[in-house]
Protein backbone atom coordinates (compact mmCIF):
# COMPACT_ATOMS: atom_id res chain seq x y z
CA MET A 1 15.06 14.23 -2.63
CA GLN A 2 18.07 12.01 -3.27
CA SER A 3 20.00 13.66 -0.44
CA LYS A 4 17.12 12.96 1.97
CA THR A 5 16.99 9.32 0.88
CA THR A 6 20.75 8.95 1.31
CA GLY A 7 20.61 10.68 4.70
CA LEU A 8 17.81 8.40 5.89
CA ALA A 9 19.78 5.32 4.86
CA ALA A 10 22.88 6.58 6.68
CA ALA A 11 20.93 7.43 9.86
CA SER A 12 19.22 4.04 9.76
CA LYS A 13 22.54 2.27 9.39
CA ARG A 14 23.99 4.10 12.40
CA THR A 15 21.14 2.82 14.56
CA GLY A 16 21.45 -0.75 13.29
CA LEU A 17 18.54 -0.64 10.84
CA LYS A 18 18.62 -1.30 7.12
CA ILE A 19 16.12 -0.08 4.55
CA ASN A 20 14.74 -2.93 2.44
CA ARG A 21 15.24 -1.86 -1.20
CA GLY A 22 12.84 -4.55 -2.41
CA LYS A 23 9.98 -3.10 -0.38
CA SER A 24 10.84 0.58 -0.82
CA MET A 25 9.03 2.55 -3.54
CA VAL A 26 8.82 6.15 -4.64
CA MET A 27 5.61 8.02 -5.42
CA ARG A 28 6.07 11.63 -6.48
CA ILE A 29 3.17 14.01 -5.84
CA ASN A 30 3.13 17.56 -7.18
CA THR A 31 6.80 17.47 -8.14
CA ILE A 32 8.74 17.75 -11.33
CA LYS A 33 10.19 14.39 -12.27
CA GLU A 34 13.81 14.44 -11.28
CA ASN A 35 16.50 11.84 -11.76
CA PRO A 36 15.56 8.38 -10.47
CA LEU A 37 16.08 7.93 -6.73
CA THR A 38 18.62 5.34 -5.67
CA LEU A 39 19.42 3.56 -2.46
CA GLU A 40 22.89 2.06 -2.07
CA GLY A 41 23.42 2.43 -5.82
CA GLN A 42 20.18 0.65 -6.77
CA ARG A 43 17.27 2.46 -8.40
CA LEU A 44 14.05 2.59 -6.34
CA GLU A 45 10.82 1.57 -8.07
CA GLU A 46 8.48 4.48 -8.94
CA VAL A 47 4.75 3.79 -8.55
CA ASP A 48 1.48 5.65 -9.15
CA SER A 49 -0.30 4.06 -6.17
CA PHE A 50 0.38 1.77 -3.22
CA SER A 51 -1.19 0.29 -0.12
CA TYR A 52 0.21 1.00 3.36
CA LEU A 53 -1.24 -0.32 6.61
CA GLY A 54 -4.42 -1.30 4.77
CA SER A 55 -5.01 2.12 3.20
CA ALA A 56 -4.66 2.69 -0.53
CA THR A 57 -3.21 5.94 -1.79
CA ASP A 58 -2.44 7.32 -5.23
CA LYS A 59 -1.02 10.41 -6.91
CA GLN A 60 -4.42 12.12 -7.09
CA GLY A 61 -4.82 11.98 -3.32
CA GLY A 62 -8.33 11.99 -1.96
CA THR A 63 -10.15 8.97 -0.62
CA GLY A 64 -11.67 7.45 -3.76
CA VAL A 65 -9.12 4.67 -4.22
CA ASP A 66 -9.05 3.79 -0.53
CA LEU A 67 -12.84 3.83 -0.25
CA ALA A 68 -13.25 1.59 -3.30
CA ALA A 69 -10.68 -0.88 -1.90
CA ARG A 70 -12.40 -1.00 1.49
CA ILE A 71 -15.84 -1.52 -0.06
CA GLY A 72 -14.44 -4.37 -2.17
CA LYS A 73 -12.93 -6.04 0.90
CA ALA A 74 -16.21 -5.66 2.80
CA ARG A 75 -18.17 -7.24 -0.09
CA VAL A 76 -15.86 -10.24 -0.13
CA ALA A 77 -16.09 -10.66 3.66
CA PHE A 78 -19.88 -10.30 3.59
CA ASN A 79 -20.28 -12.95 0.89
CA VAL A 80 -18.15 -15.58 2.65
CA PRO A 81 -20.95 -16.89 4.94
CA GLN A 82 -23.62 -16.90 2.20
CA ASN A 83 -23.43 -20.71 1.86
CA ILE A 84 -24.14 -21.02 5.58
CA TRP A 85 -27.15 -18.67 5.45
CA ARG A 86 -28.59 -20.59 2.49
CA SER A 87 -28.06 -23.99 4.08
CA LYS A 88 -31.15 -26.19 4.48
CA GLU A 89 -30.04 -26.92 8.05
CA PHE A 90 -30.98 -23.39 9.13
CA GLU A 91 -34.44 -23.24 7.58
CA SER A 92 -37.01 -22.30 10.13
CA GLU A 93 -39.83 -24.71 10.84
CA HIS A 94 -43.30 -23.25 10.60
């Protein structure tokens, strides 16, 4: 895995790109824990879960974590206009 990380960094550099070590993380799934991965001599952070392009993922796989995160975001968005719906200005006249 280290050789792939080093190779990716070298290929990126040749094309004028640089991998941001501060934003790069490692999540190992179904592997034996090896030595820590490094990039340009600095150890990469190992995590059990992360969010990428709005989707949550974790070591267990599946959709449970992502589904729970999306439901939570929908609840927050749904509750934002509640003060407007409850406003006296929108009461219907009978």
